[in-house]
Amino acid sequence: MKRLQVLIDEGEYARYLEIAEQRGSSLAEWVRAALRTAARQEPASTVDRKLEAIRSAALHSFPTADIDRMLAEIDRGYGDDPSTSDADVA
């Protein structure tokens, strides 16, 4: 555990303490919950990191096909059915 010291004015302190008491928690627990909520609202990644991930993925060559063909392959179990062949789908 780490200790965090934050300086706030007396009015803010009184307001935060009141909110914590109304919720039945200590001020420290209310502050921790407020910090967790604020952290969840922050973006998980920067725009540059997201763009780099997209650029990296674009360098790869993944198998693909026409959507109708892909759906047909899914429907028949990825080619496990010997009664159908790729020629039947195209």
PDB file of N, CA and C in Angstrom:
ATOM      1  N   MET A   1       0.843  -1.182   0.000  1.00  0.00           N
ATOM      2  CA  MET A   1       0.000   0.000   0.000  1.00  0.00           C
ATOM      3  C   MET A   1       0.888   1.245   0.000  1.00  0.00           C
ATOM      4  N   LYS A   2       0.418   2.250  -0.662  1.00  0.00           N
ATOM      5  CA  LYS A   2       1.091   3.545  -0.703  1.00  0.00           C
ATOM      6  C   LYS A   2       0.165   4.591  -0.105  1.00  0.00           C
ATOM      7  N   ARG A   3       0.749   5.586   0.504  1.00  0.00           N
ATOM      8  CA  ARG A   3      -0.017   6.687   1.073  1.00  0.00           C
ATOM      9  C   ARG A   3      -0.019   7.839   0.077  1.00  0.00           C
ATOM     10  N   LEU A   4      -1.182   8.468  -0.081  1.00  0.00           N
ATOM     11  CA  LEU A   4      -1.332   9.614  -0.970  1.00  0.00           C
ATOM     12  C   LEU A   4      -1.836  10.786  -0.145  1.00  0.00           C
ATOM     13  N   GLN A   5      -1.100  11.866  -0.169  1.00  0.00           N
ATOM     14  CA  GLN A   5      -1.520  13.053   0.567  1.00  0.00           C
ATOM     15  C   GLN A   5      -2.004  14.094  -0.429  1.00  0.00           C
ATOM     16  N   VAL A   6      -3.225  14.569  -0.225  1.00  0.00           N
ATOM     17  CA  VAL A   6      -3.827  15.549  -1.114  1.00  0.00           C
ATOM     18  C   VAL A   6      -4.308  16.716  -0.264  1.00  0.00           C
ATOM     19  N   LEU A   7      -3.929  17.916  -0.650  1.00  0.00           N
ATOM     20  CA  LEU A   7      -4.357  19.104   0.078  1.00  0.00           C
ATOM     21  C   LEU A   7      -5.606  19.674  -0.578  1.00  0.00           C
ATOM     22  N   ILE A   8      -6.658  19.847   0.219  1.00  0.00           N
ATOM     23  CA  ILE A   8      -7.910  20.436  -0.259  1.00  0.00           C
ATOM     24  C   ILE A   8      -8.374  21.465   0.770  1.00  0.00           C
ATOM     25  N   ASP A   9      -9.224  22.366   0.327  1.00  0.00           N
ATOM     26  CA  ASP A   9      -9.684  23.381   1.283  1.00  0.00           C
ATOM     27  C   ASP A   9     -10.737  22.773   2.223  1.00  0.00           C
ATOM     28  N   GLU A  10     -11.018  23.479   3.286  1.00  0.00           N
ATOM     29  CA  GLU A  10     -11.904  22.959   4.333  1.00  0.00           C
ATOM     30  C   GLU A  10     -13.318  22.702   3.821  1.00  0.00           C
ATOM     31  N   GLY A  11     -13.799  23.531   2.913  1.00  0.00           N
ATOM     32  CA  GLY A  11     -15.137  23.335   2.359  1.00  0.00           C
ATOM     33  C   GLY A  11     -15.248  22.035   1.580  1.00  0.00           C
ATOM     34  N   GLU A  12     -14.243  21.767   0.743  1.00  0.00           N
ATOM     35  CA  GLU A  12     -14.237  20.504  -0.007  1.00  0.00           C
ATOM     36  C   GLU A  12     -14.162  19.322   0.950  1.00  0.00           C
ATOM     37  N   TYR A  13     -13.319  19.420   1.951  1.00  0.00           N
ATOM     38  CA  TYR A  13     -13.158  18.337   2.919  1.00  0.00           C
ATOM     39  C   TYR A  13     -14.494  18.027   3.589  1.00  0.00           C
ATOM     40  N   ALA A  14     -15.176  19.071   4.032  1.00  0.00           N
ATOM     41  CA  ALA A  14     -16.463  18.889   4.716  1.00  0.00           C
ATOM     42  C   ALA A  14     -17.477  18.236   3.780  1.00  0.00           C
ATOM     43  N   ARG A  15     -17.497  18.667   2.531  1.00  0.00           N
ATOM     44  CA  ARG A  15     -18.440  18.107   1.546  1.00  0.00           C
ATOM     45  C   ARG A  15     -18.142  16.635   1.285  1.00  0.00           C
ATOM     46  N   TYR A  16     -16.872  16.300   1.087  1.00  0.00           N
ATOM     47  CA  TYR A  16     -16.496  14.918   0.820  1.00  0.00           C
ATOM     48  C   TYR A  16     -16.789  14.028   2.022  1.00  0.00           C
ATOM     49  N   LEU A  17     -16.528  14.533   3.211  1.00  0.00           N
ATOM     50  CA  LEU A  17     -16.802  13.775   4.424  1.00  0.00           C
ATOM     51  C   LEU A  17     -18.299  13.513   4.561  1.00  0.00           C
ATOM     52  N   GLU A  18     -19.101  14.509   4.242  1.00  0.00           N
ATOM     53  CA  GLU A  18     -20.556  14.360   4.294  1.00  0.00           C
ATOM     54  C   GLU A  18     -21.038  13.286   3.321  1.00  0.00           C
ATOM     55  N   ILE A  19     -20.510  13.318   2.105  1.00  0.00           N
ATOM     56  CA  ILE A  19     -20.894  12.312   1.106  1.00  0.00           C
ATOM     57  C   ILE A  19     -20.512  10.912   1.587  1.00  0.00           C
ATOM     58  N   ALA A  20     -19.296  10.768   2.102  1.00  0.00           N
ATOM     59  CA  ALA A  20     -18.830   9.466   2.576  1.00  0.00           C
ATOM     60  C   ALA A  20     -19.720   8.954   3.700  1.00  0.00           C
ATOM     61  N   GLU A  21     -20.044   9.820   4.634  1.00  0.00           N
ATOM     62  CA  GLU A  21     -20.893   9.412   5.761  1.00  0.00           C
ATOM     63  C   GLU A  21     -22.282   9.007   5.277  1.00  0.00           C
ATOM     64  N   GLN A  22     -22.820   9.717   4.298  1.00  0.00           N
ATOM     65  CA  GLN A  22     -24.131   9.369   3.747  1.00  0.00           C
ATOM     66  C   GLN A  22     -24.111   7.984   3.099  1.00  0.00           C
ATOM     67  N   ARG A  23     -22.982   7.625   2.553  1.00  0.00           N
ATOM     68  CA  ARG A  23     -22.846   6.309   1.908  1.00  0.00           C
ATOM     69  C   ARG A  23     -22.424   5.226   2.887  1.00  0.00           C
ATOM     70  N   GLY A  24     -22.195   5.611   4.115  1.00  0.00           N
ATOM     71  CA  GLY A  24     -21.806   4.632   5.127  1.00  0.00           C
ATOM     72  C   GLY A  24     -20.387   4.145   4.997  1.00  0.00           C
ATOM     73  N   SER A  25     -19.511   4.983   4.460  1.00  0.00           N
ATOM     74  CA  SER A  25     -18.112   4.582   4.323  1.00  0.00           C
ATOM     75  C   SER A  25     -17.204   5.656   4.923  1.00  0.00           C
ATOM     76  N   SER A  26     -15.964   5.283   5.086  1.00  0.00           N
ATOM     77  CA  SER A  26     -14.990   6.260   5.564  1.00  0.00           C
ATOM     78  C   SER A  26     -14.641   7.210   4.419  1.00  0.00           C
ATOM     79  N   LEU A  27     -14.080   8.333   4.769  1.00  0.00           N
ATOM     80  CA  LEU A  27     -13.653   9.281   3.743  1.00  0.00           C
ATOM     81  C   LEU A  27     -12.578   8.649   2.859  1.00  0.00           C
ATOM     82  N   ALA A  28     -11.670   7.913   3.470  1.00  0.00           N
ATOM     83  CA  ALA A  28     -10.592   7.272   2.701  1.00  0.00           C
ATOM     84  C   ALA A  28     -11.161   6.298   1.666  1.00  0.00           C
ATOM     85  N   GLU A  29     -12.136   5.485   2.075  1.00  0.00           N
ATOM     86  CA  GLU A  29     -12.723   4.532   1.133  1.00  0.00           C
ATOM     87  C   GLU A  29     -13.489   5.251   0.037  1.00  0.00           C
ATOM     88  N   TRP A  30     -14.190   6.326   0.386  1.00  0.00           N
ATOM     89  CA  TRP A  30     -14.916   7.095  -0.625  1.00  0.00           C
ATOM     90  C   TRP A  30     -13.950   7.704  -1.637  1.00  0.00           C
ATOM     91  N   VAL A  31     -12.829   8.221  -1.156  1.00  0.00           N
ATOM     92  CA  VAL A  31     -11.823   8.807  -2.061  1.00  0.00           C
ATOM     93  C   VAL A  31     -11.246   7.729  -2.973  1.00  0.00           C
ATOM     94  N   ARG A  32     -10.933   6.548  -2.421  1.00  0.00           N
ATOM     95  CA  ARG A  32     -10.408   5.458  -3.257  1.00  0.00           C
ATOM     96  C   ARG A  32     -11.415   5.079  -4.343  1.00  0.00           C
ATOM     97  N   ALA A  33     -12.692   4.990  -3.970  1.00  0.00           N
ATOM     98  CA  ALA A  33     -13.727   4.650  -4.954  1.00  0.00           C
ATOM     99  C   ALA A  33     -13.837   5.737  -6.021  1.00  0.00           C
ATOM    100  N   ALA A  34     -13.763   6.995  -5.603  1.00  0.00           N
ATOM    101  CA  ALA A  34     -13.842   8.104  -6.563  1.00  0.00           C
ATOM    102  C   ALA A  34     -12.656   8.071  -7.524  1.00  0.00           C
ATOM    103  N   LEU A  35     -11.479   7.756  -7.015  1.00  0.00           N
ATOM    104  CA  LEU A  35     -10.299   7.659  -7.885  1.00  0.00           C
ATOM    105  C   LEU A  35     -10.434   6.491  -8.865  1.00  0.00           C
ATOM    106  N   ARG A  36     -10.952   5.353  -8.399  1.00  0.00           N
ATOM    107  CA  ARG A  36     -11.158   4.208  -9.304  1.00  0.00           C
ATOM    108  C   ARG A  36     -12.143   4.569 -10.410  1.00  0.00           C
ATOM    109  N   THR A  37     -13.218   5.258 -10.043  1.00  0.00           N
ATOM    110  CA  THR A  37     -14.213   5.667 -11.038  1.00  0.00           C
ATOM    111  C   THR A  37     -13.589   6.611 -12.055  1.00  0.00           C
ATOM    112  N   ALA A  38     -12.816   7.572 -11.595  1.00  0.00           N
ATOM    113  CA  ALA A  38     -12.160   8.519 -12.496  1.00  0.00           C
ATOM    114  C   ALA A  38     -11.174   7.803 -13.415  1.00  0.00           C
ATOM    115  N   ALA A  39     -10.451   6.834 -12.890  1.00  0.00           N
ATOM    116  CA  ALA A  39      -9.474   6.098 -13.703  1.00  0.00           C
ATOM    117  C   ALA A  39     -10.159   5.285 -14.793  1.00  0.00           C
ATOM    118  N   ARG A  40     -11.327   4.695 -14.494  1.00  0.00           N
ATOM    119  CA  ARG A  40     -12.062   3.913 -15.504  1.00  0.00           C
ATOM    120  C   ARG A  40     -12.544   4.785 -16.647  1.00  0.00           C
ATOM    121  N   GLN A  41     -12.749   6.057 -16.403  1.00  0.00           N
ATOM    122  CA  GLN A  41     -13.247   6.953 -17.437  1.00  0.00           C
ATOM    123  C   GLN A  41     -12.134   7.454 -18.360  1.00  0.00           C
ATOM    124  N   GLU A  42     -10.901   7.206 -17.988  1.00  0.00           N
ATOM    125  CA  GLU A  42      -9.776   7.613 -18.830  1.00  0.00           C
ATOM    126  C   GLU A  42      -9.602   6.620 -19.966  1.00  0.00           C
ATOM    127  N   PRO A  43      -9.180   7.097 -21.144  1.00  0.00           N
ATOM    128  CA  PRO A  43      -8.932   6.169 -22.250  1.00  0.00           C
ATOM    129  C   PRO A  43      -7.858   5.150 -21.871  1.00  0.00           C
ATOM    130  N   ALA A  44      -8.059   3.917 -22.305  1.00  0.00           N
ATOM    131  CA  ALA A  44      -7.111   2.848 -21.978  1.00  0.00           C
ATOM    132  C   ALA A  44      -5.800   2.995 -22.736  1.00  0.00           C
ATOM    133  N   SER A  45      -5.822   3.690 -23.842  1.00  0.00           N
ATOM    134  CA  SER A  45      -4.633   3.791 -24.673  1.00  0.00           C
ATOM    135  C   SER A  45      -4.634   5.124 -25.406  1.00  0.00           C
ATOM    136  N   THR A  46      -3.458   5.554 -25.798  1.00  0.00           N
ATOM    137  CA  THR A  46      -3.367   6.789 -26.558  1.00  0.00           C
ATOM    138  C   THR A  46      -3.722   6.534 -28.011  1.00  0.00           C
ATOM    139  N   VAL A  47      -4.068   7.578 -28.713  1.00  0.00           N
ATOM    140  CA  VAL A  47      -4.399   7.465 -30.130  1.00  0.00           C
ATOM    141  C   VAL A  47      -3.203   6.912 -30.899  1.00  0.00           C
ATOM    142  N   ASP A  48      -1.998   7.379 -30.573  1.00  0.00           N
ATOM    143  CA  ASP A  48      -0.807   6.893 -31.278  1.00  0.00           C
ATOM    144  C   ASP A  48      -0.612   5.390 -31.096  1.00  0.00           C
ATOM    145  N   ARG A  49      -0.853   4.876 -29.893  1.00  0.00           N
ATOM    146  CA  ARG A  49      -0.699   3.435 -29.663  1.00  0.00           C
ATOM    147  C   ARG A  49      -1.751   2.652 -30.441  1.00  0.00           C
ATOM    148  N   LYS A  50      -2.965   3.173 -30.509  1.00  0.00           N
ATOM    149  CA  LYS A  50      -4.020   2.491 -31.268  1.00  0.00           C
ATOM    150  C   LYS A  50      -3.687   2.468 -32.752  1.00  0.00           C
ATOM    151  N   LEU A  51      -3.215   3.605 -33.283  1.00  0.00           N
ATOM    152  CA  LEU A  51      -2.850   3.656 -34.694  1.00  0.00           C
ATOM    153  C   LEU A  51      -1.690   2.715 -34.996  1.00  0.00           C
ATOM    154  N   GLU A  52      -0.723   2.641 -34.099  1.00  0.00           N
ATOM    155  CA  GLU A  52       0.412   1.735 -34.294  1.00  0.00           C
ATOM    156  C   GLU A  52      -0.066   0.286 -34.329  1.00  0.00           C
ATOM    157  N   ALA A  53      -1.018  -0.067 -33.490  1.00  0.00           N
ATOM    158  CA  ALA A  53      -1.558  -1.433 -33.495  1.00  0.00           C
ATOM    159  C   ALA A  53      -2.252  -1.731 -34.821  1.00  0.00           C
ATOM    160  N   ILE A  54      -2.988  -0.770 -35.342  1.00  0.00           N
ATOM    161  CA  ILE A  54      -3.670  -0.958 -36.628  1.00  0.00           C
ATOM    162  C   ILE A  54      -2.650  -1.098 -37.748  1.00  0.00           C
ATOM    163  N   ARG A  55      -1.628  -0.235 -37.739  1.00  0.00           N
ATOM    164  CA  ARG A  55      -0.586  -0.318 -38.773  1.00  0.00           C
ATOM    165  C   ARG A  55       0.134  -1.664 -38.716  1.00  0.00           C
ATOM    166  N   SER A  56       0.410  -2.135 -37.519  1.00  0.00           N
ATOM    167  CA  SER A  56       1.093  -3.417 -37.353  1.00  0.00           C
ATOM    168  C   SER A  56       0.227  -4.560 -37.877  1.00  0.00           C
ATOM    169  N   ALA A  57      -1.053  -4.525 -37.553  1.00  0.00           N
ATOM    170  CA  ALA A  57      -1.955  -5.579 -38.028  1.00  0.00           C
ATOM    171  C   ALA A  57      -2.092  -5.557 -39.539  1.00  0.00           C
ATOM    172  N   ALA A  58      -2.035  -4.372 -40.138  1.00  0.00           N
ATOM    173  CA  ALA A  58      -2.192  -4.256 -41.589  1.00  0.00           C
ATOM    174  C   ALA A  58      -1.018  -4.870 -42.344  1.00  0.00           C
ATOM    175  N   LEU A  59       0.116  -5.053 -41.673  1.00  0.00           N
ATOM    176  CA  LEU A  59       1.291  -5.648 -42.313  1.00  0.00           C
ATOM    177  C   LEU A  59       1.141  -7.153 -42.506  1.00  0.00           C
ATOM    178  N   HIS A  60       0.223  -7.772 -41.779  1.00  0.00           N
ATOM    179  CA  HIS A  60       0.044  -9.220 -41.842  1.00  0.00           C
ATOM    180  C   HIS A  60      -0.902  -9.599 -42.980  1.00  0.00           C
ATOM    181  N   SER A  61      -0.742 -10.815 -43.426  1.00  0.00           N
ATOM    182  CA  SER A  61      -1.611 -11.333 -44.474  1.00  0.00           C
ATOM    183  C   SER A  61      -2.447 -12.457 -43.876  1.00  0.00           C
ATOM    184  N   PHE A  62      -3.717 -12.204 -43.691  1.00  0.00           N
ATOM    185  CA  PHE A  62      -4.606 -13.190 -43.110  1.00  0.00           C
ATOM    186  C   PHE A  62      -5.514 -13.763 -44.197  1.00  0.00           C
ATOM    187  N   PRO A  63      -5.886 -15.026 -44.065  1.00  0.00           N
ATOM    188  CA  PRO A  63      -6.780 -15.602 -45.069  1.00  0.00           C
ATOM    189  C   PRO A  63      -8.137 -14.906 -45.027  1.00  0.00           C
ATOM    190  N   THR A  64      -8.673 -14.678 -46.196  1.00  0.00           N
ATOM    191  CA  THR A  64      -9.984 -14.050 -46.286  1.00  0.00           C
ATOM    192  C   THR A  64     -10.667 -14.534 -47.554  1.00  0.00           C
ATOM    193  N   ALA A  65     -11.909 -14.249 -47.661  1.00  0.00           N
ATOM    194  CA  ALA A  65     -12.672 -14.655 -48.848  1.00  0.00           C
ATOM    195  C   ALA A  65     -13.895 -13.761 -48.945  1.00  0.00           C
ATOM    196  N   ASP A  66     -14.631 -13.974 -50.004  1.00  0.00           N
ATOM    197  CA  ASP A  66     -15.905 -13.298 -50.175  1.00  0.00           C
ATOM    198  C   ASP A  66     -16.801 -13.655 -48.986  1.00  0.00           C
ATOM    199  N   ILE A  67     -17.601 -12.709 -48.505  1.00  0.00           N
ATOM    200  CA  ILE A  67     -18.425 -12.941 -47.320  1.00  0.00           C
ATOM    201  C   ILE A  67     -19.375 -14.121 -47.499  1.00  0.00           C
ATOM    202  N   ASP A  68     -19.943 -14.283 -48.677  1.00  0.00           N
ATOM    203  CA  ASP A  68     -20.855 -15.412 -48.904  1.00  0.00           C
ATOM    204  C   ASP A  68     -20.116 -16.742 -48.769  1.00  0.00           C
ATOM    205  N   ARG A  69     -18.898 -16.790 -49.268  1.00  0.00           N
ATOM    206  CA  ARG A  69     -18.106 -18.018 -49.153  1.00  0.00           C
ATOM    207  C   ARG A  69     -17.749 -18.292 -47.694  1.00  0.00           C
ATOM    208  N   MET A  70     -17.344 -17.254 -46.968  1.00  0.00           N
ATOM    209  CA  MET A  70     -16.989 -17.453 -45.565  1.00  0.00           C
ATOM    210  C   MET A  70     -18.191 -17.947 -44.760  1.00  0.00           C
ATOM    211  N   LEU A  71     -19.360 -17.362 -45.000  1.00  0.00           N
ATOM    212  CA  LEU A  71     -20.558 -17.792 -44.286  1.00  0.00           C
ATOM    213  C   LEU A  71     -20.921 -19.231 -44.628  1.00  0.00           C
ATOM    214  N   ALA A  72     -20.754 -19.599 -45.891  1.00  0.00           N
ATOM    215  CA  ALA A  72     -21.041 -20.975 -46.296  1.00  0.00           C
ATOM    216  C   ALA A  72     -20.079 -21.946 -45.605  1.00  0.00           C
ATOM    217  N   GLU A  73     -18.797 -21.559 -45.506  1.00  0.00           N
ATOM    218  CA  GLU A  73     -17.831 -22.420 -44.820  1.00  0.00           C
ATOM    219  C   GLU A  73     -18.183 -22.569 -43.347  1.00  0.00           C
ATOM    220  N   ILE A  74     -18.612 -21.489 -42.743  1.00  0.00           N
ATOM    221  CA  ILE A  74     -19.025 -21.557 -41.338  1.00  0.00           C
ATOM    222  C   ILE A  74     -20.225 -22.481 -41.196  1.00  0.00           C
ATOM    223  N   ASP A  75     -21.203 -22.312 -42.076  1.00  0.00           N
ATOM    224  CA  ASP A  75     -22.414 -23.129 -42.010  1.00  0.00           C
ATOM    225  C   ASP A  75     -22.114 -24.613 -42.169  1.00  0.00           C
ATOM    226  N   ARG A  76     -21.147 -24.946 -42.971  1.00  0.00           N
ATOM    227  CA  ARG A  76     -20.869 -26.366 -43.175  1.00  0.00           C
ATOM    228  C   ARG A  76     -19.788 -26.888 -42.239  1.00  0.00           C
ATOM    229  N   GLY A  77     -19.368 -26.088 -41.283  1.00  0.00           N
ATOM    230  CA  GLY A  77     -18.432 -26.575 -40.262  1.00  0.00           C
ATOM    231  C   GLY A  77     -16.990 -26.477 -40.674  1.00  0.00           C
ATOM    232  N   TYR A  78     -16.607 -25.413 -41.317  1.00  0.00           N
ATOM    233  CA  TYR A  78     -15.219 -25.181 -41.708  1.00  0.00           C
ATOM    234  C   TYR A  78     -14.665 -26.294 -42.577  1.00  0.00           C
ATOM    235  N   GLY A  79     -15.475 -26.832 -43.437  1.00  0.00           N
ATOM    236  CA  GLY A  79     -14.992 -27.832 -44.391  1.00  0.00           C
ATOM    237  C   GLY A  79     -14.950 -29.233 -43.846  1.00  0.00           C
ATOM    238  N   ASP A  80     -15.536 -29.477 -42.676  1.00  0.00           N
ATOM    239  CA  ASP A  80     -15.523 -30.822 -42.102  1.00  0.00           C
ATOM    240  C   ASP A  80     -16.492 -31.762 -42.807  1.00  0.00           C
ATOM    241  N   ASP A  81     -17.434 -31.197 -43.549  1.00  0.00           N
ATOM    242  CA  ASP A  81     -18.425 -32.018 -44.233  1.00  0.00           C
ATOM    243  C   ASP A  81     -17.855 -32.444 -45.587  1.00  0.00           C
ATOM    244  N   PRO A  82     -17.512 -33.719 -45.764  1.00  0.00           N
ATOM    245  CA  PRO A  82     -16.905 -34.167 -47.035  1.00  0.00           C
ATOM    246  C   PRO A  82     -17.860 -34.112 -48.211  1.00  0.00           C
ATOM    247  N   SER A  83     -19.159 -33.929 -47.958  1.00  0.00           N
ATOM    248  CA  SER A  83     -20.123 -33.915 -49.055  1.00  0.00           C
ATOM    249  C   SER A  83     -20.125 -32.581 -49.804  1.00  0.00           C
ATOM    250  N   THR A  84     -19.447 -31.542 -49.246  1.00  0.00           N
ATOM    251  CA  THR A  84     -19.353 -30.254 -49.931  1.00  0.00           C
ATOM    252  C   THR A  84     -17.905 -29.934 -50.152  1.00  0.00           C
ATOM    253  N   SER A  85     -17.655 -29.187 -51.204  1.00  0.00           N
ATOM    254  CA  SER A  85     -16.282 -28.777 -51.493  1.00  0.00           C
ATOM    255  C   SER A  85     -16.288 -27.286 -51.791  1.00  0.00           C
ATOM    256  N   ASP A  86     -15.092 -26.708 -51.911  1.00  0.00           N
ATOM    257  CA  ASP A  86     -14.972 -25.301 -52.218  1.00  0.00           C
ATOM    258  C   ASP A  86     -15.657 -24.975 -53.540  1.00  0.00           C
ATOM    259  N   ALA A  87     -15.634 -25.900 -54.467  1.00  0.00           N
ATOM    260  CA  ALA A  87     -16.259 -25.667 -55.763  1.00  0.00           C
ATOM    261  C   ALA A  87     -17.775 -25.524 -55.609  1.00  0.00           C
ATOM    262  N   ASP A  88     -18.352 -26.213 -54.621  1.00  0.00           N
ATOM    263  CA  ASP A  88     -19.798 -26.107 -54.402  1.00  0.00           C
ATOM    264  C   ASP A  88     -20.201 -24.728 -53.896  1.00  0.00           C
ATOM    265  N   VAL A  89     -19.264 -24.041 -53.221  1.00  0.00           N
ATOM    266  CA  VAL A  89     -19.580 -22.769 -52.586  1.00  0.00           C
ATOM    267  C   VAL A  89     -19.414 -21.611 -53.544  1.00  0.00           C
ATOM    268  N   ALA A  90     -18.417 -21.680 -54.384  1.00  0.00           N
ATOM    269  CA  ALA A  90     -18.097 -20.557 -55.276  1.00  0.00           C
ATOM    270  C   ALA A  90     -19.086 -20.389 -56.338  1.00  0.00           C
TER     271      ALA A  90
END
